[in-house]
Amino acid sequence: MVSLKTIAEKCGVSTATVSKALNDQKDVSEETKHRIKKTAEALGYFPNAAARALKTNRSYNIGVLFEEEAGSGLTHEYFSGVLNGLKVQAEKQGYDITFINTCFENRKMSYYEHCRYRNFEGVAIVCADYNDPDVLELMNSDLPVVTIDYVHHNCTAVSSNNIQGIEDLVKYIYQQGHRKIAYIHGQENSYVTKDRLASFYRTMDELGLEVPDEYIRTADYLETKEAARQTRELLNLADVPTCIIYPDDTALIGGRNVIIEMGLRIPRDISVAGYDGTRISQLLHPKLTTIRQNTELIGSEAAKRLIGTIEKPRTTLVERVVIEGSLVPGQSVGKFLQKEQRGAGKGFPNQWRKPDILRRRVFYEEENH
C-alpha cells in the first residue's frame, strides 16, 4: 500500500506537506497541491479510512436497517431493487453502507447503540417493524434517518405513490368493464396497506361502485397460501367478483393456482391484477396486469436525501418524497361486457359448475374475435 512517506519522497517534500495538500489546507501552494495530488493518483494512493475517521471525525458510512418479515431477505425483488439504488447512489457520493444488527461479541445492543459503535453518519430504514421500541428509539434519535414506505415526524420518508398506483389500477379495471372488484390487501398495520386501502375505497366511491364487505380480504405481502385461501372463498361467494386485486405479484400466484385448480381460465372466467411489477409477473401466462414500482429510484432518492441531511443539516427539512409508479396493462384483466352491452347473437354467459353449486361464468369479449 502506498503511504504518505512514499509520496513525500517522490515529490521531495515532507509527509506533513503531503497530508496538508491532500486535505486541501491553505498553507500549501496550489502548484504544490496539484503536484502532490497528481503523484498520489499515479501511485494509486488511497487514504486509510480509520486514520481519516480519527482526523475528521467522519466515517462516510451509512447504516442500513433491513428486517424483512416474509423471510425472503435480499431475494425480495422490491427490496433488492431499493437496496441496489441506495448502494449505487451512496457510492457515487463517496459513502459505504453497512447493515445494522443487534449483536456484538455475544452481547445484545439496540440499533441505536450499534450505530454509535460503528460511528454511522446516518441510517436508512428500508424495512422494519416500526412498532419495535428499538426502531422507534432510532427514529427519534439525533442521527439523520430516512425511512422507506413509512412516515415518521422526525425522518424524511421516501415511498412509492401507493395512492395513485391503486387509483390507476382500479380505473383501468373499470375501463375494461368490471364493476365487481374484490381486493385482497396486505397486513392492516402496514403504512403501505393503509394508503392503498383508502385509495381503493375512495376510487370505487368516485366511480359509483359498491364494495361488499366480503370483497375485502387480508393476506400478508408475499403470502401465497393465505392469498390462495382468500381466493377460494371469493370464488365460492353467491355473488362472485369479476376481478380480484392482490397485495403483490407474488401473493397473486397463490390465487392463480387456485383458479387453475378450479378449472377456470384467466382472464376469460376471472380477471386478476397484482402490484409491484416484478420480473416474474411478465413471465407468467397471461402476463399480469400490475403496477410497476420504481425501486431503483426509491433507493437512490433515499440515499440523496440522507446524505444531504448528513452534509447540510442546517438547510435540510423533514420531507415526504413520493416516487411515481406506472401501470403495466398485461393480459390478466379481460374486457368484461355488461349485460346491456352484449350484442345479439353473442348468447348468454356460459356456466361453470362445482359438484354442489352453480356459478355464473363471466362473459368476456376476446379482442381477437
Protein backbone atom coordinates (compact mmCIF):
# COMPACT_ATOMS: atom_id res chain seq x y z
CA MET A 1 0.00 0.00 0.00
CA VAL A 2 1.26 3.45 -0.94
CA SER A 3 1.97 5.63 2.12
CA LEU A 4 2.29 9.37 2.66
CA LYS A 5 6.04 8.83 3.09
CA THR A 6 6.29 7.31 -0.40
CA ILE A 7 4.52 10.31 -1.94
CA ALA A 8 6.68 12.72 0.08
CA GLU A 9 9.91 11.10 -1.15
CA LYS A 10 8.66 11.16 -4.74
CA CYS A 11 7.76 14.85 -4.54
CA GLY A 12 10.71 15.95 -2.39
CA VAL A 13 8.54 17.33 0.41
CA SER A 14 7.71 16.37 3.99
CA THR A 15 4.90 13.94 4.94
CA ALA A 16 3.21 16.84 6.74
CA THR A 17 3.10 18.82 3.48
CA VAL A 18 1.63 15.81 1.67
CA SER A 19 -1.05 15.43 4.33
CA LYS A 20 -1.93 19.13 4.14
CA ALA A 21 -2.06 19.05 0.33
CA LEU A 22 -4.34 16.00 0.21
CA ASN A 23 -6.65 17.66 2.74
CA ASP A 24 -6.71 20.96 0.80
CA GLN A 25 -5.26 23.03 3.63
CA LYS A 26 -4.49 26.68 2.82
CA ASP A 27 -0.83 26.81 3.89
CA VAL A 28 0.30 24.78 0.84
CA SER A 29 0.51 26.47 -2.57
CA GLU A 30 -1.88 25.42 -5.33
CA GLU A 31 1.06 24.36 -7.50
CA THR A 32 2.41 22.03 -4.77
CA LYS A 33 -1.07 20.66 -4.07
CA HIS A 34 -1.56 19.86 -7.73
CA ARG A 35 1.83 18.13 -7.99
CA ILE A 36 1.25 16.05 -4.84
CA LYS A 37 -2.28 15.05 -5.81
CA LYS A 38 -1.17 14.06 -9.30
CA THR A 39 1.66 11.95 -7.84
CA ALA A 40 -0.70 10.32 -5.31
CA GLU A 41 -3.12 9.41 -8.10
CA ALA A 42 -0.35 8.00 -10.29
CA LEU A 43 0.92 5.85 -7.41
CA GLY A 44 -2.59 4.59 -6.65
CA TYR A 45 -2.79 6.13 -3.18
CA PHE A 46 -5.94 5.67 -1.09
CA PRO A 47 -6.31 7.32 2.33
CA ASN A 48 -6.62 4.98 5.31
CA ALA A 49 -10.26 5.03 6.35
CA ALA A 50 -9.52 4.60 10.05
CA ALA A 51 -6.91 7.36 10.02
CA ARG A 52 -9.25 9.66 8.10
CA ALA A 53 -12.05 8.98 10.59
CA LEU A 54 -9.77 9.86 13.51
CA LYS A 55 -8.69 13.08 11.88
CA THR A 56 -12.03 14.27 10.50
CA ASN A 57 -14.39 12.53 12.97
CA ARG A 58 -16.29 11.26 9.93
CA SER A 59 -16.75 7.63 8.84
CA TYR A 60 -18.51 8.18 5.49
CA ASN A 61 -20.51 5.09 6.41
CA ILE A 62 -24.31 4.75 6.32
CA GLY A 63 -26.17 2.14 8.35
CA VAL A 64 -28.97 0.17 6.67
CA LEU A 65 -31.72 -1.42 8.74
CA PHE A 66 -33.35 -4.27 6.84
CA GLU A 67 -35.54 -6.63 8.87
CA GLU A 68 -37.87 -8.26 6.36
CA GLU A 69 -40.75 -10.23 7.91
CA ALA A 70 -41.62 -12.53 5.00
CA GLY A 71 -38.27 -14.33 5.19
CA SER A 72 -37.28 -13.57 1.59
CA GLY A 73 -34.35 -11.41 2.69
CA LEU A 74 -32.24 -9.97 -0.13
CA THR A 75 -34.06 -12.18 -2.67
CA HIS A 76 -37.18 -10.00 -2.20
CA GLU A 77 -37.34 -8.26 -5.58
CA TYR A 78 -38.82 -4.99 -4.33
CA PHE A 79 -36.33 -4.52 -1.51
CA SER A 80 -33.35 -5.77 -3.51
CA GLY A 81 -34.11 -3.06 -6.08
CA VAL A 82 -34.39 -0.40 -3.37
CA LEU A 83 -31.14 -1.53 -1.74
CA ASN A 84 -29.30 -1.54 -5.05
CA GLY A 85 -30.44 2.00 -5.82
CA LEU A 86 -29.37 3.08 -2.34
CA LYS A 87 -25.96 1.42 -2.66
CA VAL A 88 -25.18 2.83 -6.11
CA GLN A 89 -26.09 6.41 -5.13
CA ALA A 90 -24.26 6.25 -1.79
CA GLU A 91 -21.10 5.02 -3.51
CA LYS A 92 -21.35 7.80 -6.11
CA GLN A 93 -21.29 10.30 -3.25
CA GLY A 94 -18.34 8.65 -1.50
CA TYR A 95 -20.19 6.66 1.18
CA ASP A 96 -20.19 2.99 2.16
CA ILE A 97 -23.22 1.13 3.50
CA THR A 98 -23.27 -1.41 6.35
CA PHE A 99 -26.19 -3.48 7.61
CA ILE A 100 -27.23 -2.87 11.22
CA ASN A 101 -27.68 -5.72 13.69
CA THR A 102 -28.27 -6.06 17.43
CA CYS A 103 -25.47 -8.46 18.36
CA PHE A 104 -21.83 -7.79 19.15
CA GLU A 105 -19.48 -10.33 20.77
CA ASN A 106 -22.49 -12.32 22.02
CA ARG A 107 -23.96 -9.22 23.62
CA LYS A 108 -27.28 -7.64 22.70
CA MET A 109 -27.29 -3.98 21.77
CA SER A 110 -30.00 -1.71 20.40
CA TYR A 111 -29.96 -0.49 16.81
CA TYR A 112 -29.01 2.96 18.05
CA GLU A 113 -26.14 1.57 20.14
CA HIS A 114 -24.85 -0.36 17.13
CA CYS A 115 -24.99 2.80 15.02
CA ARG A 116 -22.96 4.68 17.61
CA TYR A 117 -20.50 1.82 17.97
CA ARG A 118 -19.94 1.76 14.18
CA ASN A 119 -19.90 5.57 14.00
CA PHE A 120 -22.55 5.63 11.27
CA GLU A 121 -23.26 9.11 9.98
CA GLY A 122 -26.88 8.30 9.17
CA VAL A 123 -29.32 5.43 8.76
CA ALA A 124 -31.67 4.24 6.03
CA ILE A 125 -34.53 2.11 7.37
CA VAL A 126 -35.51 0.02 4.36
CA CYS A 127 -37.75 -2.48 6.14
CA ALA A 128 -38.50 -2.93 9.84
CA ASP A 129 -41.19 -3.33 12.47
CA TYR A 130 -41.94 0.33 13.10
CA ASN A 131 -43.65 -0.51 16.40
CA ASP A 132 -40.44 -2.04 17.75
CA PRO A 133 -39.10 0.17 20.61
CA ASP A 134 -35.56 -0.16 19.21
CA VAL A 135 -36.72 1.15 15.82
CA LEU A 136 -38.62 3.99 17.50
CA GLU A 137 -35.51 4.88 19.52
CA LEU A 138 -33.51 5.08 16.30
CA MET A 139 -36.07 7.28 14.51
CA ASN A 140 -36.35 9.61 17.49
CA SER A 141 -32.57 9.87 17.96
CA ASP A 142 -30.17 12.63 16.93
CA LEU A 143 -28.92 10.55 13.97
CA PRO A 144 -30.10 11.52 10.47
CA VAL A 145 -32.61 8.83 9.42
CA VAL A 146 -34.54 8.25 6.21
CA THR A 147 -37.38 5.72 6.03
CA ILE A 148 -38.76 3.74 3.11
CA ASP A 149 -42.56 3.47 2.82
CA TYR A 150 -43.17 4.79 6.32
CA VAL A 151 -43.84 8.31 7.58
CA HIS A 152 -42.40 9.48 10.91
CA HIS A 153 -42.35 13.06 12.18
CA ASN A 154 -38.59 13.07 12.74
CA CYS A 155 -37.45 11.43 9.48
CA THR A 156 -37.58 12.10 5.77
CA ALA A 157 -39.65 9.38 4.11
CA VAL A 158 -39.31 8.08 0.56
CA SER A 159 -42.10 5.92 -0.80
CA SER A 160 -43.82 4.76 -3.93
CA ASN A 161 -47.06 6.56 -4.76
CA ASN A 162 -49.33 3.80 -3.45
CA ILE A 163 -52.40 6.05 -3.51
CA GLN A 164 -52.03 6.87 -7.20
CA GLY A 165 -50.98 3.31 -8.02
CA ILE A 166 -54.18 1.76 -6.70
CA GLU A 167 -56.28 4.52 -8.27
CA ASP A 168 -54.72 3.88 -11.68
CA LEU A 169 -55.19 0.13 -11.31
CA VAL A 170 -58.86 0.33 -10.26
CA LYS A 171 -59.70 2.82 -13.00
CA TYR A 172 -58.05 0.61 -15.63
CA ILE A 173 -60.07 -2.39 -14.39
CA TYR A 174 -63.21 -0.24 -14.50
CA GLN A 175 -62.42 0.85 -18.08
CA GLN A 176 -62.25 -2.83 -19.00
CA GLY A 177 -65.91 -3.09 -17.96
CA HIS A 178 -65.59 -4.55 -14.46
CA ARG A 179 -67.94 -3.40 -11.72
CA LYS A 180 -67.49 -6.16 -9.12
CA ILE A 181 -63.90 -5.74 -7.94
CA ALA A 182 -62.50 -7.54 -4.89
CA TYR A 183 -59.32 -6.54 -3.09
CA ILE A 184 -57.06 -8.87 -1.10
CA HIS A 185 -54.77 -6.39 0.65
CA GLY A 186 -51.64 -6.79 2.78
CA GLN A 187 -51.39 -6.74 6.59
CA GLU A 188 -53.52 -3.99 8.07
CA ASN A 189 -50.85 -2.45 10.34
CA SER A 190 -48.72 -1.56 7.32
CA TYR A 191 -48.49 2.09 6.29
CA VAL A 192 -48.48 0.94 2.65
CA THR A 193 -51.70 -1.03 3.17
CA LYS A 194 -53.45 1.93 4.81
CA ASP A 195 -52.67 4.15 1.82
CA ARG A 196 -53.67 1.54 -0.74
CA LEU A 197 -56.89 0.50 1.00
CA ALA A 198 -58.03 4.11 1.48
CA SER A 199 -57.27 4.79 -2.19
CA PHE A 200 -59.22 1.68 -3.23
CA TYR A 201 -62.34 2.74 -1.32
CA ARG A 202 -62.05 6.33 -2.49
CA THR A 203 -61.66 5.37 -6.16
CA MET A 204 -64.53 2.88 -6.02
CA ASP A 205 -66.70 5.59 -4.45
CA GLU A 206 -65.74 8.09 -7.17
CA LEU A 207 -66.75 5.52 -9.79
CA GLY A 208 -70.08 4.95 -8.06
CA LEU A 209 -69.30 1.32 -7.24
CA GLU A 210 -70.35 -0.52 -4.11
CA VAL A 211 -67.80 -2.58 -2.19
CA PRO A 212 -69.42 -5.51 -0.34
CA ASP A 213 -67.59 -6.28 2.91
CA GLU A 214 -66.92 -9.85 1.73
CA TYR A 215 -64.96 -8.45 -1.24
CA ILE A 216 -62.26 -7.05 1.08
CA ARG A 217 -59.81 -9.68 2.35
CA THR A 218 -56.41 -9.79 4.06
CA ALA A 219 -53.30 -11.78 3.15
CA ASP A 220 -49.77 -10.80 4.15
CA TYR A 221 -47.49 -9.48 1.45
CA LEU A 222 -45.75 -12.33 -0.43
CA GLU A 223 -48.01 -14.86 1.35
CA THR A 224 -49.24 -17.27 -1.34
CA LYS A 225 -51.07 -19.68 0.97
CA GLU A 226 -53.36 -17.11 2.55
CA ALA A 227 -53.92 -15.44 -0.82
CA ALA A 228 -54.95 -18.85 -2.19
CA ARG A 229 -57.40 -19.42 0.68
CA GLN A 230 -58.97 -15.98 0.28
CA THR A 231 -59.29 -16.51 -3.48
CA ARG A 232 -61.16 -19.78 -2.96
CA GLU A 233 -63.56 -18.05 -0.56
CA LEU A 234 -64.18 -15.22 -3.03
CA LEU A 235 -64.93 -17.69 -5.83
CA ASN A 236 -67.38 -19.51 -3.56
CA LEU A 237 -69.46 -16.39 -2.84
CA ALA A 238 -73.03 -16.25 -4.09
CA ASP A 239 -72.10 -13.07 -5.96
CA VAL A 240 -68.66 -13.74 -7.45
CA PRO A 241 -66.41 -10.73 -8.26
CA THR A 242 -65.29 -10.40 -11.85
CA CYS A 243 -61.79 -9.17 -10.90
CA ILE A 244 -59.52 -9.68 -7.88
CA ILE A 245 -56.66 -7.35 -6.94
CA TYR A 246 -53.86 -8.94 -4.88
CA PRO A 247 -51.36 -7.45 -2.38
CA ASP A 248 -48.46 -8.08 -4.76
CA ASP A 249 -47.44 -10.16 -7.77
CA THR A 250 -46.07 -12.99 -5.61
CA ALA A 251 -49.20 -13.37 -3.48
CA LEU A 252 -51.20 -13.39 -6.71
CA ILE A 253 -49.53 -16.65 -7.73
CA GLY A 254 -51.27 -18.38 -4.80
CA GLY A 255 -54.63 -17.13 -6.08
CA ARG A 256 -53.72 -18.06 -9.66
CA ASN A 257 -53.03 -21.65 -8.61
CA VAL A 258 -56.49 -21.94 -7.01
CA ILE A 259 -58.16 -20.51 -10.11
CA ILE A 260 -56.42 -23.09 -12.29
CA GLU A 261 -57.28 -25.93 -9.87
CA MET A 262 -60.95 -24.95 -10.11
CA GLY A 263 -60.83 -25.33 -13.88
CA LEU A 264 -61.11 -21.62 -14.61
CA ARG A 265 -59.14 -19.54 -17.07
CA ILE A 266 -57.59 -16.11 -16.68
CA PRO A 267 -58.96 -13.70 -17.91
CA ARG A 268 -61.89 -15.47 -19.62
CA ASP A 269 -63.50 -16.65 -16.39
CA ILE A 270 -61.95 -14.36 -13.80
CA SER A 271 -59.58 -11.38 -14.05
CA VAL A 272 -56.70 -10.77 -11.67
CA ALA A 273 -54.29 -7.89 -11.02
CA GLY A 274 -51.15 -7.64 -8.91
CA TYR A 275 -48.80 -4.95 -7.62
CA ASP A 276 -45.00 -4.32 -7.81
CA GLY A 277 -44.26 -5.14 -11.46
CA THR A 278 -41.80 -7.92 -10.67
CA ARG A 279 -39.96 -9.72 -13.47
CA ILE A 280 -41.92 -12.91 -12.88
CA SER A 281 -45.19 -11.04 -13.37
CA GLN A 282 -44.32 -10.61 -17.03
CA LEU A 283 -43.08 -14.18 -17.46
CA LEU A 284 -46.39 -15.75 -16.41
CA HIS A 285 -49.06 -16.52 -18.97
CA PRO A 286 -51.06 -14.45 -19.36
CA LYS A 287 -48.80 -11.55 -18.40
CA LEU A 288 -50.05 -9.89 -15.24
CA THR A 289 -51.75 -6.54 -15.09
CA THR A 290 -49.85 -4.76 -12.32
CA ILE A 291 -48.30 -1.53 -11.05
CA ARG A 292 -44.54 -1.35 -11.53
CA GLN A 293 -42.72 0.44 -8.70
CA ASN A 294 -39.52 2.32 -9.49
CA THR A 295 -37.44 0.64 -6.79
CA GLU A 296 -34.05 1.87 -8.01
CA LEU A 297 -35.22 5.49 -7.88
CA ILE A 298 -36.73 5.00 -4.41
CA GLY A 299 -33.36 3.75 -3.13
CA SER A 300 -31.42 6.44 -4.97
CA GLU A 301 -33.60 9.26 -3.60
CA ALA A 302 -33.33 7.83 -0.09
CA ALA A 303 -29.52 7.95 -0.32
CA LYS A 304 -29.52 11.51 -1.72
CA ARG A 305 -31.85 12.82 0.98
CA LEU A 306 -29.95 11.10 3.77
CA ILE A 307 -26.54 12.34 2.61
CA GLY A 308 -27.99 15.82 2.17
CA THR A 309 -29.09 15.74 5.83
CA ILE A 310 -25.66 14.48 6.92
CA GLU A 311 -23.69 17.11 5.00
CA LYS A 312 -26.04 20.11 5.32
CA PRO A 313 -28.08 19.56 8.48
CA ARG A 314 -28.99 23.23 8.91
CA THR A 315 -30.64 23.51 5.50
CA THR A 316 -32.42 20.15 5.49
CA LEU A 317 -36.16 19.78 6.04
CA VAL A 318 -38.06 16.63 7.02
CA GLU A 319 -39.85 15.71 3.80
CA ARG A 320 -42.11 13.10 2.30
CA VAL A 321 -40.73 12.16 -1.12
CA VAL A 322 -43.15 10.27 -3.36
CA ILE A 323 -41.90 8.25 -6.35
CA GLU A 324 -44.39 7.55 -9.13
CA GLY A 325 -45.07 4.01 -10.33
CA SER A 326 -46.52 3.00 -13.70
CA LEU A 327 -49.40 0.83 -14.86
CA VAL A 328 -48.47 -2.34 -16.75
CA PRO A 329 -51.68 -3.39 -18.57
CA GLY A 330 -50.63 -7.01 -19.14
CA GLN A 331 -53.31 -9.50 -20.21
CA SER A 332 -54.71 -10.81 -16.93
CA VAL A 333 -57.58 -8.30 -16.85
CA GLY A 334 -60.01 -9.12 -19.65
CA LYS A 335 -62.67 -6.93 -21.20
CA PHE A 336 -65.97 -7.56 -19.46
CA LEU A 337 -69.23 -6.73 -21.23
CA GLN A 338 -72.14 -5.57 -19.13
CA LYS A 339 -75.48 -7.19 -19.93
CA GLU A 340 -76.75 -4.21 -21.91
CA GLN A 341 -73.55 -4.18 -24.00
CA ARG A 342 -73.81 -7.74 -25.22
CA GLY A 343 -74.78 -7.79 -28.88
CA ALA A 344 -77.39 -10.00 -30.47
CA GLY A 345 -76.10 -13.47 -31.24
CA LYS A 346 -73.50 -13.26 -28.54
CA GLY A 347 -75.57 -15.52 -26.32
CA PHE A 348 -75.71 -15.66 -22.56
CA PRO A 349 -72.78 -16.24 -20.27
CA ASN A 350 -71.64 -19.82 -20.04
CA GLN A 351 -72.00 -21.59 -16.70
CA TRP A 352 -69.33 -23.37 -14.74
CA ARG A 353 -70.30 -25.97 -12.21
CA LYS A 354 -68.92 -27.26 -8.95
CA PRO A 355 -70.31 -30.52 -7.53
CA ASP A 356 -72.74 -28.75 -5.20
CA ILE A 357 -73.33 -25.28 -6.61
CA LEU A 358 -73.94 -23.46 -9.89
CA ARG A 359 -71.96 -20.33 -10.54
CA ARG A 360 -72.19 -17.65 -13.19
CA ARG A 361 -69.31 -17.63 -15.64
CA VAL A 362 -68.05 -14.22 -16.57
CA PHE A 363 -68.58 -13.31 -20.20
CA TYR A 364 -65.65 -11.70 -21.95
CA GLU A 365 -65.26 -10.30 -25.39
CA GLU A 366 -61.94 -11.61 -26.64
CA GLU A 367 -60.15 -8.95 -28.64
CA ASN A 368 -59.11 -11.35 -31.41
CA HIS A 369 -62.70 -12.41 -32.18
